[in-house]
């Protein structure tokens, strides 16, 4: 696991490394202060995990060893230095520092992995493993800013399983969760990697960056027909169940001025689809737009 190299982290590690090397060089007693090499190694291990600790550790220990060797050569004629025992102590010390840096890197990897798990739990819906409504709203705000900056429209789809309440009453909560999870997988196969599919209330929401309403209708119909053709798990009396979905579609900025209005007009289109019997896609019209603003 390799952590991304951020400029701030790079500057911190590089500065600590330079300061240690400069101090050892001008002190002319690197053989006494070599233990300071743990600072850049441990920092690299924390921000870049084991790979960072290894790379910085090799460079730091190599440069420090060269300084110590040159100092021993220059001072051997003037001062008697127990070089053999000193070198043994330094080698053992360097080994401990190097292993310690790798240990810090491992701890950092575990912490980063746990952080990522917590992040996924926070951002993912536990029933369908799709993104949560909260995350969708954050992404929607970003997409609106991007659309306004680059004058690039996008489409929003609200999707609802027809007669979901009846299904829950008939087959129970567990079978309903299986149904929603299966529909989520079907929808994922119908969209691009850059599209955002998330839970929204009892249904779903789909954000299509850079896609106009005309193309969004094709995506919506692909999802609708795929769900219509699928069979879902029921019970002993009715093992296989057919379900359909209704879809409301709106485009930004043609159909709305902000995220709240966009969701509102898409919801009005979804309600119109359900009023007409479900299993269909309804796009935003002037009447729907007026109803949404009322």
C-alpha atoms as a PDB file:
ATOM      1  CA  UNK A   1       0.000   0.000   0.000  1.00  0.00           C
ATOM      2  CA  UNK A   2       1.597   3.256  -1.161  1.00  0.00           C
ATOM      3  CA  UNK A   3       0.257   6.590   0.054  1.00  0.00           C
ATOM      4  CA  UNK A   4      -0.102   9.472  -2.415  1.00  0.00           C
ATOM      5  CA  UNK A   5       2.764  11.990  -2.399  1.00  0.00           C
ATOM      6  CA  UNK A   6       1.310  15.299  -1.273  1.00  0.00           C
ATOM      7  CA  UNK A   7       3.376  18.474  -1.515  1.00  0.00           C
ATOM      8  CA  UNK A   8       2.989  19.301   2.176  1.00  0.00           C
ATOM      9  CA  UNK A   9       4.169  15.846   3.267  1.00  0.00           C
ATOM     10  CA  UNK A  10       7.055  15.960   0.814  1.00  0.00           C
ATOM     11  CA  UNK A  11       8.225  19.326   2.126  1.00  0.00           C
ATOM     12  CA  UNK A  12       8.018  18.190   5.757  1.00  0.00           C
ATOM     13  CA  UNK A  13      10.023  15.014   5.176  1.00  0.00           C
ATOM     14  CA  UNK A  14      12.514  16.741   2.875  1.00  0.00           C
ATOM     15  CA  UNK A  15      13.047  19.596   5.369  1.00  0.00           C
ATOM     16  CA  UNK A  16      13.595  17.221   8.296  1.00  0.00           C
ATOM     17  CA  UNK A  17      16.012  15.153   6.218  1.00  0.00           C
ATOM     18  CA  UNK A  18      17.995  18.219   5.124  1.00  0.00           C
ATOM     19  CA  UNK A  19      18.172  19.627   8.651  1.00  0.00           C
ATOM     20  CA  UNK A  20      19.462  16.333  10.077  1.00  0.00           C
ATOM     21  CA  UNK A  21      22.100  15.909   7.365  1.00  0.00           C
ATOM     22  CA  UNK A  22      23.202  19.558   7.656  1.00  0.00           C
ATOM     23  CA  UNK A  23      23.450  19.298  11.447  1.00  0.00           C
ATOM     24  CA  UNK A  24      25.499  16.091  11.266  1.00  0.00           C
ATOM     25  CA  UNK A  25      27.807  17.599   8.653  1.00  0.00           C
ATOM     26  CA  UNK A  26      28.597  20.856  10.475  1.00  0.00           C
ATOM     27  CA  UNK A  27      28.744  19.282  13.928  1.00  0.00           C
ATOM     28  CA  UNK A  28      31.607  17.109  12.662  1.00  0.00           C
ATOM     29  CA  UNK A  29      30.409  14.548  15.188  1.00  0.00           C
ATOM     30  CA  UNK A  30      28.059  12.453  13.140  1.00  0.00           C
ATOM     31  CA  UNK A  31      29.316   9.382  15.023  1.00  0.00           C
ATOM     32  CA  UNK A  32      27.728  10.856  18.198  1.00  0.00           C
ATOM     33  CA  UNK A  33      24.463  12.225  16.806  1.00  0.00           C
ATOM     34  CA  UNK A  34      23.643   9.552  14.198  1.00  0.00           C
ATOM     35  CA  UNK A  35      20.485   8.578  16.150  1.00  0.00           C
ATOM     36  CA  UNK A  36      18.805  11.785  14.880  1.00  0.00           C
ATOM     37  CA  UNK A  37      18.266   9.962  11.582  1.00  0.00           C
ATOM     38  CA  UNK A  38      15.133   8.442  13.117  1.00  0.00           C
ATOM     39  CA  UNK A  39      13.297  11.777  12.579  1.00  0.00           C
ATOM     40  CA  UNK A  40      12.997  11.773   8.743  1.00  0.00           C
ATOM     41  CA  UNK A  41      12.653   7.964   8.625  1.00  0.00           C
ATOM     42  CA  UNK A  42       9.756   7.876  11.085  1.00  0.00           C
ATOM     43  CA  UNK A  43       8.093  10.869   9.405  1.00  0.00           C
ATOM     44  CA  UNK A  44       8.374   9.180   6.003  1.00  0.00           C
ATOM     45  CA  UNK A  45       6.938   5.986   7.453  1.00  0.00           C
ATOM     46  CA  UNK A  46       3.959   7.833   8.882  1.00  0.00           C
ATOM     47  CA  UNK A  47       3.037   9.788   5.749  1.00  0.00           C
ATOM     48  CA  UNK A  48       4.144   7.296   3.048  1.00  0.00           C
ATOM     49  CA  UNK A  49       3.895   4.011   4.948  1.00  0.00           C
ATOM     50  CA  UNK A  50       6.533   1.275   4.671  1.00  0.00           C
ATOM     51  CA  UNK A  51       7.585   2.161   1.133  1.00  0.00           C
ATOM     52  CA  UNK A  52       8.378   5.733   2.187  1.00  0.00           C
ATOM     53  CA  UNK A  53      10.250   4.602   5.303  1.00  0.00           C
ATOM     54  CA  UNK A  54      12.344   2.197   3.228  1.00  0.00           C
ATOM     55  CA  UNK A  55      13.307   4.737   0.545  1.00  0.00           C
ATOM     56  CA  UNK A  56      14.053   7.606   2.935  1.00  0.00           C
ATOM     57  CA  UNK A  57      15.725   5.195   5.352  1.00  0.00           C
ATOM     58  CA  UNK A  58      18.133   3.862   2.748  1.00  0.00           C
ATOM     59  CA  UNK A  59      19.069   7.376   1.612  1.00  0.00           C
ATOM     60  CA  UNK A  60      19.416   8.747   5.150  1.00  0.00           C
ATOM     61  CA  UNK A  61      21.433   5.848   6.504  1.00  0.00           C
ATOM     62  CA  UNK A  62      23.705   5.795   3.442  1.00  0.00           C
ATOM     63  CA  UNK A  63      24.479   9.517   3.645  1.00  0.00           C
ATOM     64  CA  UNK A  64      24.990   9.369   7.425  1.00  0.00           C
ATOM     65  CA  UNK A  65      27.295   6.359   7.091  1.00  0.00           C
ATOM     66  CA  UNK A  66      29.418   8.261   4.586  1.00  0.00           C
ATOM     67  CA  UNK A  67      29.689  11.218   6.975  1.00  0.00           C
ATOM     68  CA  UNK A  68      30.695   8.955   9.858  1.00  0.00           C
ATOM     69  CA  UNK A  69      33.266   7.160   7.726  1.00  0.00           C
ATOM     70  CA  UNK A  70      34.864  10.412   6.583  1.00  0.00           C
ATOM     71  CA  UNK A  71      34.947  11.739  10.147  1.00  0.00           C
ATOM     72  CA  UNK A  72      36.594   8.578  11.435  1.00  0.00           C
ATOM     73  CA  UNK A  73      39.242   8.851   8.737  1.00  0.00           C
ATOM     74  CA  UNK A  74      39.944  12.522   9.461  1.00  0.00           C
ATOM     75  CA  UNK A  75      40.036  12.132  13.250  1.00  0.00           C
ATOM     76  CA  UNK A  76      41.859   8.822  13.543  1.00  0.00           C
ATOM     77  CA  UNK A  77      45.235  10.543  13.311  1.00  0.00           C
ATOM     78  CA  UNK A  78      44.422  13.015  16.113  1.00  0.00           C
ATOM     79  CA  UNK A  79      42.083  11.187  18.475  1.00  0.00           C
ATOM     80  CA  UNK A  80      41.908   7.562  19.412  1.00  0.00           C
ATOM     81  CA  UNK A  81      38.374   6.403  18.662  1.00  0.00           C
ATOM     82  CA  UNK A  82      37.245   2.850  19.433  1.00  0.00           C
ATOM     83  CA  UNK A  83      36.065   2.524  15.840  1.00  0.00           C
ATOM     84  CA  UNK A  84      35.241  -1.194  15.911  1.00  0.00           C
ATOM     85  CA  UNK A  85      32.894  -1.032  18.901  1.00  0.00           C
ATOM     86  CA  UNK A  86      31.534   2.328  17.754  1.00  0.00           C
ATOM     87  CA  UNK A  87      30.745   1.032  14.308  1.00  0.00           C
ATOM     88  CA  UNK A  88      29.052  -2.019  15.802  1.00  0.00           C
ATOM     89  CA  UNK A  89      26.873   0.211  17.970  1.00  0.00           C
ATOM     90  CA  UNK A  90      26.018   2.413  14.996  1.00  0.00           C
ATOM     91  CA  UNK A  91      25.135  -0.577  12.813  1.00  0.00           C
ATOM     92  CA  UNK A  92      22.867  -1.997  15.497  1.00  0.00           C
ATOM     93  CA  UNK A  93      21.367   1.436  16.093  1.00  0.00           C
ATOM     94  CA  UNK A  94      20.760   2.014  12.399  1.00  0.00           C
ATOM     95  CA  UNK A  95      19.124  -1.403  12.147  1.00  0.00           C
ATOM     96  CA  UNK A  96      16.770  -0.614  15.011  1.00  0.00           C
ATOM     97  CA  UNK A  97      15.930   2.788  13.529  1.00  0.00           C
ATOM     98  CA  UNK A  98      15.321   1.259  10.107  1.00  0.00           C
ATOM     99  CA  UNK A  99      13.070  -1.458  11.526  1.00  0.00           C
ATOM    100  CA  UNK A 100      11.332   1.129  13.677  1.00  0.00           C
ATOM    101  CA  UNK A 101      10.620   3.237  10.597  1.00  0.00           C
ATOM    102  CA  UNK A 102       9.117   0.210   8.856  1.00  0.00           C
ATOM    103  CA  UNK A 103       7.042  -0.442  11.980  1.00  0.00           C
ATOM    104  CA  UNK A 104       5.735   3.127  11.939  1.00  0.00           C
ATOM    105  CA  UNK A 105       4.939   2.649   8.260  1.00  0.00           C
ATOM    106  CA  UNK A 106       2.967  -0.504   9.027  1.00  0.00           C
ATOM    107  CA  UNK A 107       1.018   1.264  11.774  1.00  0.00           C
ATOM    108  CA  UNK A 108       0.333   4.109   9.350  1.00  0.00           C
ATOM    109  CA  UNK A 109      -0.962   1.638   6.754  1.00  0.00           C
ATOM    110  CA  UNK A 110      -3.317   0.062   9.282  1.00  0.00           C
ATOM    111  CA  UNK A 111      -4.565   3.491  10.365  1.00  0.00           C
ATOM    112  CA  UNK A 112      -5.122   4.538   6.744  1.00  0.00           C
ATOM    113  CA  UNK A 113      -6.975   1.298   5.991  1.00  0.00           C
ATOM    114  CA  UNK A 114      -9.230   1.750   9.031  1.00  0.00           C
ATOM    115  CA  UNK A 115      -9.871   5.341   8.014  1.00  0.00           C
ATOM    116  CA  UNK A 116     -10.842   4.195   4.529  1.00  0.00           C
ATOM    117  CA  UNK A 117     -13.191   1.567   5.979  1.00  0.00           C
ATOM    118  CA  UNK A 118     -14.854   4.179   8.189  1.00  0.00           C
ATOM    119  CA  UNK A 119     -15.116   6.479   5.184  1.00  0.00           C
ATOM    120  CA  UNK A 120     -16.749   3.758   3.105  1.00  0.00           C
ATOM    121  CA  UNK A 121     -19.168   2.940   5.904  1.00  0.00           C
ATOM    122  CA  UNK A 122     -20.082   6.626   6.129  1.00  0.00           C
ATOM    123  CA  UNK A 123     -20.462   7.077   2.371  1.00  0.00           C
ATOM    124  CA  UNK A 124     -22.055   3.738   1.460  1.00  0.00           C
ATOM    125  CA  UNK A 125     -25.587   2.552   2.062  1.00  0.00           C
ATOM    126  CA  UNK A 126     -25.478  -0.722   4.018  1.00  0.00           C
ATOM    127  CA  UNK A 127     -28.410  -2.273   2.140  1.00  0.00           C
ATOM    128  CA  UNK A 128     -27.359  -1.668  -1.462  1.00  0.00           C
ATOM    129  CA  UNK A 129     -23.660  -0.706  -1.132  1.00  0.00           C
ATOM    130  CA  UNK A 130     -24.432   2.405  -3.191  1.00  0.00           C
ATOM    131  CA  UNK A 131     -23.447   5.892  -2.089  1.00  0.00           C
ATOM    132  CA  UNK A 132     -25.598   7.538   0.547  1.00  0.00           C
ATOM    133  CA  UNK A 133     -27.994  10.414   0.001  1.00  0.00           C
ATOM    134  CA  UNK A 134     -25.702  12.694   1.991  1.00  0.00           C
ATOM    135  CA  UNK A 135     -22.750  11.983  -0.293  1.00  0.00           C
ATOM    136  CA  UNK A 136     -24.929  12.473  -3.362  1.00  0.00           C
ATOM    137  CA  UNK A 137     -25.949  15.946  -2.221  1.00  0.00           C
ATOM    138  CA  UNK A 138     -22.306  16.948  -1.766  1.00  0.00           C
ATOM    139  CA  UNK A 139     -21.469  15.683  -5.240  1.00  0.00           C
ATOM    140  CA  UNK A 140     -24.495  17.445  -6.689  1.00  0.00           C
ATOM    141  CA  UNK A 141     -23.280  20.782  -5.331  1.00  0.00           C
ATOM    142  CA  UNK A 142     -19.858  20.165  -6.893  1.00  0.00           C
ATOM    143  CA  UNK A 143     -21.411  19.178 -10.214  1.00  0.00           C
ATOM    144  CA  UNK A 144     -23.524  22.331 -10.322  1.00  0.00           C
ATOM    145  CA  UNK A 145     -20.451  24.498  -9.715  1.00  0.00           C
ATOM    146  CA  UNK A 146     -18.590  22.609 -12.446  1.00  0.00           C
ATOM    147  CA  UNK A 147     -21.533  22.957 -14.821  1.00  0.00           C
ATOM    148  CA  UNK A 148     -21.783  26.706 -14.239  1.00  0.00           C
ATOM    149  CA  UNK A 149     -18.030  27.187 -14.633  1.00  0.00           C
ATOM    150  CA  UNK A 150     -17.611  25.188 -17.851  1.00  0.00           C
ATOM    151  CA  UNK A 151     -21.151  25.686 -19.196  1.00  0.00           C
ATOM    152  CA  UNK A 152     -21.609  21.938 -19.384  1.00  0.00           C
ATOM    153  CA  UNK A 153     -25.109  20.552 -18.690  1.00  0.00           C
ATOM    154  CA  UNK A 154     -25.816  17.368 -16.774  1.00  0.00           C
ATOM    155  CA  UNK A 155     -28.865  15.234 -16.043  1.00  0.00           C
ATOM    156  CA  UNK A 156     -30.433  13.947 -12.862  1.00  0.00           C
ATOM    157  CA  UNK A 157     -32.646  10.856 -12.584  1.00  0.00           C
ATOM    158  CA  UNK A 158     -34.818   9.936  -9.619  1.00  0.00           C
ATOM    159  CA  UNK A 159     -35.785   6.267  -9.673  1.00  0.00           C
ATOM    160  CA  UNK A 160     -38.460   4.552  -7.622  1.00  0.00           C
ATOM    161  CA  UNK A 161     -39.492   0.885  -7.410  1.00  0.00           C
ATOM    162  CA  UNK A 162     -43.184   0.612  -8.264  1.00  0.00           C
ATOM    163  CA  UNK A 163     -45.447  -0.719  -5.465  1.00  0.00           C
ATOM    164  CA  UNK A 164     -42.471  -1.217  -3.158  1.00  0.00           C
ATOM    165  CA  UNK A 165     -44.666  -0.907  -0.043  1.00  0.00           C
ATOM    166  CA  UNK A 166     -46.868  -3.773  -1.248  1.00  0.00           C
ATOM    167  CA  UNK A 167     -43.807  -5.895  -1.912  1.00  0.00           C
ATOM    168  CA  UNK A 168     -42.531  -5.226   1.613  1.00  0.00           C
ATOM    169  CA  UNK A 169     -45.893  -6.157   3.146  1.00  0.00           C
ATOM    170  CA  UNK A 170     -46.054  -9.371   1.130  1.00  0.00           C
ATOM    171  CA  UNK A 171     -42.484 -10.628   1.299  1.00  0.00           C
ATOM    172  CA  UNK A 172     -41.025  -8.837   4.325  1.00  0.00           C
ATOM    173  CA  UNK A 173     -38.056  -6.584   4.974  1.00  0.00           C
ATOM    174  CA  UNK A 174     -35.345  -9.122   4.172  1.00  0.00           C
ATOM    175  CA  UNK A 175     -36.724  -9.905   0.699  1.00  0.00           C
ATOM    176  CA  UNK A 176     -37.163  -6.164   0.114  1.00  0.00           C
ATOM    177  CA  UNK A 177     -33.499  -5.554   0.886  1.00  0.00           C
ATOM    178  CA  UNK A 178     -32.541  -8.335  -1.526  1.00  0.00           C
ATOM    179  CA  UNK A 179     -34.740  -6.707  -4.171  1.00  0.00           C
ATOM    180  CA  UNK A 180     -33.144  -3.287  -3.719  1.00  0.00           C
ATOM    181  CA  UNK A 181     -29.661  -4.780  -3.739  1.00  0.00           C
ATOM    182  CA  UNK A 182     -30.354  -6.673  -6.972  1.00  0.00           C
ATOM    183  CA  UNK A 183     -31.816  -3.586  -8.650  1.00  0.00           C
ATOM    184  CA  UNK A 184     -28.753  -1.617  -7.572  1.00  0.00           C
ATOM    185  CA  UNK A 185     -26.492  -4.154  -9.296  1.00  0.00           C
ATOM    186  CA  UNK A 186     -28.627  -4.016 -12.452  1.00  0.00           C
ATOM    187  CA  UNK A 187     -28.409  -0.228 -12.557  1.00  0.00           C
ATOM    188  CA  UNK A 188     -24.638  -0.277 -12.023  1.00  0.00           C
ATOM    189  CA  UNK A 189     -24.261  -2.330 -15.196  1.00  0.00           C
ATOM    190  CA  UNK A 190     -26.186   0.298 -17.153  1.00  0.00           C
ATOM    191  CA  UNK A 191     -24.127   3.377 -16.248  1.00  0.00           C
ATOM    192  CA  UNK A 192     -20.600   4.673 -16.734  1.00  0.00           C
ATOM    193  CA  UNK A 193     -17.873   4.699 -14.098  1.00  0.00           C
ATOM    194  CA  UNK A 194     -18.035   8.506 -13.860  1.00  0.00           C
ATOM    195  CA  UNK A 195     -21.793   8.486 -13.191  1.00  0.00           C
ATOM    196  CA  UNK A 196     -22.952   8.685  -9.586  1.00  0.00           C
ATOM    197  CA  UNK A 197     -25.567   6.192  -8.442  1.00  0.00           C
ATOM    198  CA  UNK A 198     -26.852   6.605  -4.886  1.00  0.00           C
ATOM    199  CA  UNK A 199     -29.760   5.874  -2.575  1.00  0.00           C
ATOM    200  CA  UNK A 200     -32.375   8.582  -2.223  1.00  0.00           C
ATOM    201  CA  UNK A 201     -35.118   7.926   0.295  1.00  0.00           C
ATOM    202  CA  UNK A 202     -36.690   4.553  -0.544  1.00  0.00           C
ATOM    203  CA  UNK A 203     -35.473   4.835  -4.118  1.00  0.00           C
ATOM    204  CA  UNK A 204     -32.395   5.815  -6.050  1.00  0.00           C
ATOM    205  CA  UNK A 205     -30.810   8.808  -7.727  1.00  0.00           C
ATOM    206  CA  UNK A 206     -28.490   8.906 -10.715  1.00  0.00           C
ATOM    207  CA  UNK A 207     -26.225  11.809 -11.642  1.00  0.00           C
ATOM    208  CA  UNK A 208     -25.015  11.872 -15.251  1.00  0.00           C
ATOM    209  CA  UNK A 209     -22.202  14.441 -15.710  1.00  0.00           C
ATOM    210  CA  UNK A 210     -22.023  16.017 -19.150  1.00  0.00           C
ATOM    211  CA  UNK A 211     -25.142  14.199 -20.374  1.00  0.00           C
ATOM    212  CA  UNK A 212     -28.058  16.103 -21.870  1.00  0.00           C
ATOM    213  CA  UNK A 213     -31.681  15.061 -21.403  1.00  0.00           C
ATOM    214  CA  UNK A 214     -31.904  13.337 -24.788  1.00  0.00           C
ATOM    215  CA  UNK A 215     -29.054  10.966 -23.963  1.00  0.00           C
ATOM    216  CA  UNK A 216     -30.191  10.633 -20.354  1.00  0.00           C
ATOM    217  CA  UNK A 217     -33.525   9.263 -21.568  1.00  0.00           C
ATOM    218  CA  UNK A 218     -31.660   6.437 -23.318  1.00  0.00           C
ATOM    219  CA  UNK A 219     -29.812   5.622 -20.082  1.00  0.00           C
ATOM    220  CA  UNK A 220     -33.073   5.723 -18.130  1.00  0.00           C
ATOM    221  CA  UNK A 221     -34.812   3.421 -20.601  1.00  0.00           C
ATOM    222  CA  UNK A 222     -31.894   1.008 -20.535  1.00  0.00           C
ATOM    223  CA  UNK A 223     -32.198   0.808 -16.761  1.00  0.00           C
ATOM    224  CA  UNK A 224     -35.998   0.551 -16.832  1.00  0.00           C
ATOM    225  CA  UNK A 225     -36.108  -2.263 -19.394  1.00  0.00           C
ATOM    226  CA  UNK A 226     -33.297  -4.158 -17.649  1.00  0.00           C
ATOM    227  CA  UNK A 227     -35.222  -4.112 -14.370  1.00  0.00           C
ATOM    228  CA  UNK A 228     -38.454  -5.038 -16.156  1.00  0.00           C
ATOM    229  CA  UNK A 229     -36.842  -8.132 -17.707  1.00  0.00           C
ATOM    230  CA  UNK A 230     -35.276  -9.330 -14.452  1.00  0.00           C
ATOM    231  CA  UNK A 231     -36.814 -11.733 -11.964  1.00  0.00           C
ATOM    232  CA  UNK A 232     -36.524 -11.232  -8.227  1.00  0.00           C
ATOM    233  CA  UNK A 233     -36.681 -13.553  -5.262  1.00  0.00           C
ATOM    234  CA  UNK A 234     -40.051 -13.955  -3.578  1.00  0.00           C
ATOM    235  CA  UNK A 235     -41.209 -16.681  -1.189  1.00  0.00           C
ATOM    236  CA  UNK A 236     -42.366 -20.317  -1.284  1.00  0.00           C
ATOM    237  CA  UNK A 237     -45.759 -19.378  -2.691  1.00  0.00           C
ATOM    238  CA  UNK A 238     -44.347 -17.024  -5.338  1.00  0.00           C
ATOM    239  CA  UNK A 239     -40.640 -17.836  -5.838  1.00  0.00           C
ATOM    240  CA  UNK A 240     -40.103 -15.462  -8.754  1.00  0.00           C
ATOM    241  CA  UNK A 241     -41.411 -11.909  -8.830  1.00  0.00           C
ATOM    242  CA  UNK A 242     -41.397  -9.300 -11.590  1.00  0.00           C
ATOM    243  CA  UNK A 243     -40.900  -5.649 -10.627  1.00  0.00           C
ATOM    244  CA  UNK A 244     -40.729  -2.348 -12.477  1.00  0.00           C
ATOM    245  CA  UNK A 245     -39.405   1.112 -11.766  1.00  0.00           C
ATOM    246  CA  UNK A 246     -40.507   4.660 -12.541  1.00  0.00           C
ATOM    247  CA  UNK A 247     -38.049   7.399 -13.451  1.00  0.00           C
ATOM    248  CA  UNK A 248     -38.204  11.179 -13.311  1.00  0.00           C
ATOM    249  CA  UNK A 249     -35.609  13.108 -15.300  1.00  0.00           C
ATOM    250  CA  UNK A 250     -34.418  16.708 -15.146  1.00  0.00           C
ATOM    251  CA  UNK A 251     -31.530  18.576 -16.749  1.00  0.00           C
ATOM    252  CA  UNK A 252     -29.378  21.361 -15.342  1.00  0.00           C
ATOM    253  CA  UNK A 253     -29.429  24.279 -16.015  1.00  0.00           C
ATOM    254  CA  UNK A 254     -32.341  24.082 -18.477  1.00  0.00           C
ATOM    255  CA  UNK A 255     -34.869  22.809 -15.912  1.00  0.00           C
ATOM    256  CA  UNK A 256     -33.616  24.396 -12.686  1.00  0.00           C
ATOM    257  CA  UNK A 257     -31.466  27.151 -11.204  1.00  0.00           C
ATOM    258  CA  UNK A 258     -30.018  25.259  -8.205  1.00  0.00           C
ATOM    259  CA  UNK A 259     -29.790  21.814  -6.651  1.00  0.00           C
ATOM    260  CA  UNK A 260     -32.998  22.092  -4.630  1.00  0.00           C
ATOM    261  CA  UNK A 261     -35.074  23.065  -7.634  1.00  0.00           C
ATOM    262  CA  UNK A 262     -33.438  20.368  -9.750  1.00  0.00           C
ATOM    263  CA  UNK A 263     -34.377  17.658  -7.256  1.00  0.00           C
ATOM    264  CA  UNK A 264     -37.864  19.099  -6.929  1.00  0.00           C
ATOM    265  CA  UNK A 265     -38.654  19.091 -10.651  1.00  0.00           C
ATOM    266  CA  UNK A 266     -37.150  15.597 -11.016  1.00  0.00           C
ATOM    267  CA  UNK A 267     -39.403  14.441  -8.181  1.00  0.00           C
ATOM    268  CA  UNK A 268     -42.428  16.006  -9.901  1.00  0.00           C
ATOM    269  CA  UNK A 269     -41.539  14.116 -13.077  1.00  0.00           C
ATOM    270  CA  UNK A 270     -41.203  10.905 -11.044  1.00  0.00           C
ATOM    271  CA  UNK A 271     -44.628  11.466  -9.448  1.00  0.00           C
ATOM    272  CA  UNK A 272     -46.123  11.981 -12.906  1.00  0.00           C
ATOM    273  CA  UNK A 273     -44.609   8.664 -14.051  1.00  0.00           C
ATOM    274  CA  UNK A 274     -46.109   6.868 -11.062  1.00  0.00           C
ATOM    275  CA  UNK A 275     -49.502   8.540 -11.581  1.00  0.00           C
ATOM    276  CA  UNK A 276     -49.544   7.175 -15.123  1.00  0.00           C
ATOM    277  CA  UNK A 277     -49.149   3.634 -13.879  1.00  0.00           C
ATOM    278  CA  UNK A 278     -45.393   3.365 -13.394  1.00  0.00           C
ATOM    279  CA  UNK A 279     -42.800   1.518 -15.450  1.00  0.00           C
ATOM    280  CA  UNK A 280     -41.964   4.584 -17.526  1.00  0.00           C
ATOM    281  CA  UNK A 281     -39.624   7.537 -17.800  1.00  0.00           C
ATOM    282  CA  UNK A 282     -40.952  11.089 -17.629  1.00  0.00           C
ATOM    283  CA  UNK A 283     -38.778  14.078 -18.482  1.00  0.00           C
ATOM    284  CA  UNK A 284     -39.251  17.547 -17.124  1.00  0.00           C
ATOM    285  CA  UNK A 285     -41.788  19.650 -19.049  1.00  0.00           C
ATOM    286  CA  UNK A 286     -42.893  23.273 -18.606  1.00  0.00           C
ATOM    287  CA  UNK A 287     -45.959  22.068 -16.664  1.00  0.00           C
ATOM    288  CA  UNK A 288     -43.856  19.901 -14.403  1.00  0.00           C
ATOM    289  CA  UNK A 289     -41.420  22.754 -13.943  1.00  0.00           C
ATOM    290  CA  UNK A 290     -44.226  25.083 -12.874  1.00  0.00           C
ATOM    291  CA  UNK A 291     -45.594  22.446 -10.499  1.00  0.00           C
ATOM    292  CA  UNK A 292     -42.156  22.097  -8.951  1.00  0.00           C
ATOM    293  CA  UNK A 293     -41.850  25.825  -8.388  1.00  0.00           C
ATOM    294  CA  UNK A 294     -45.356  26.170  -6.946  1.00  0.00           C
END
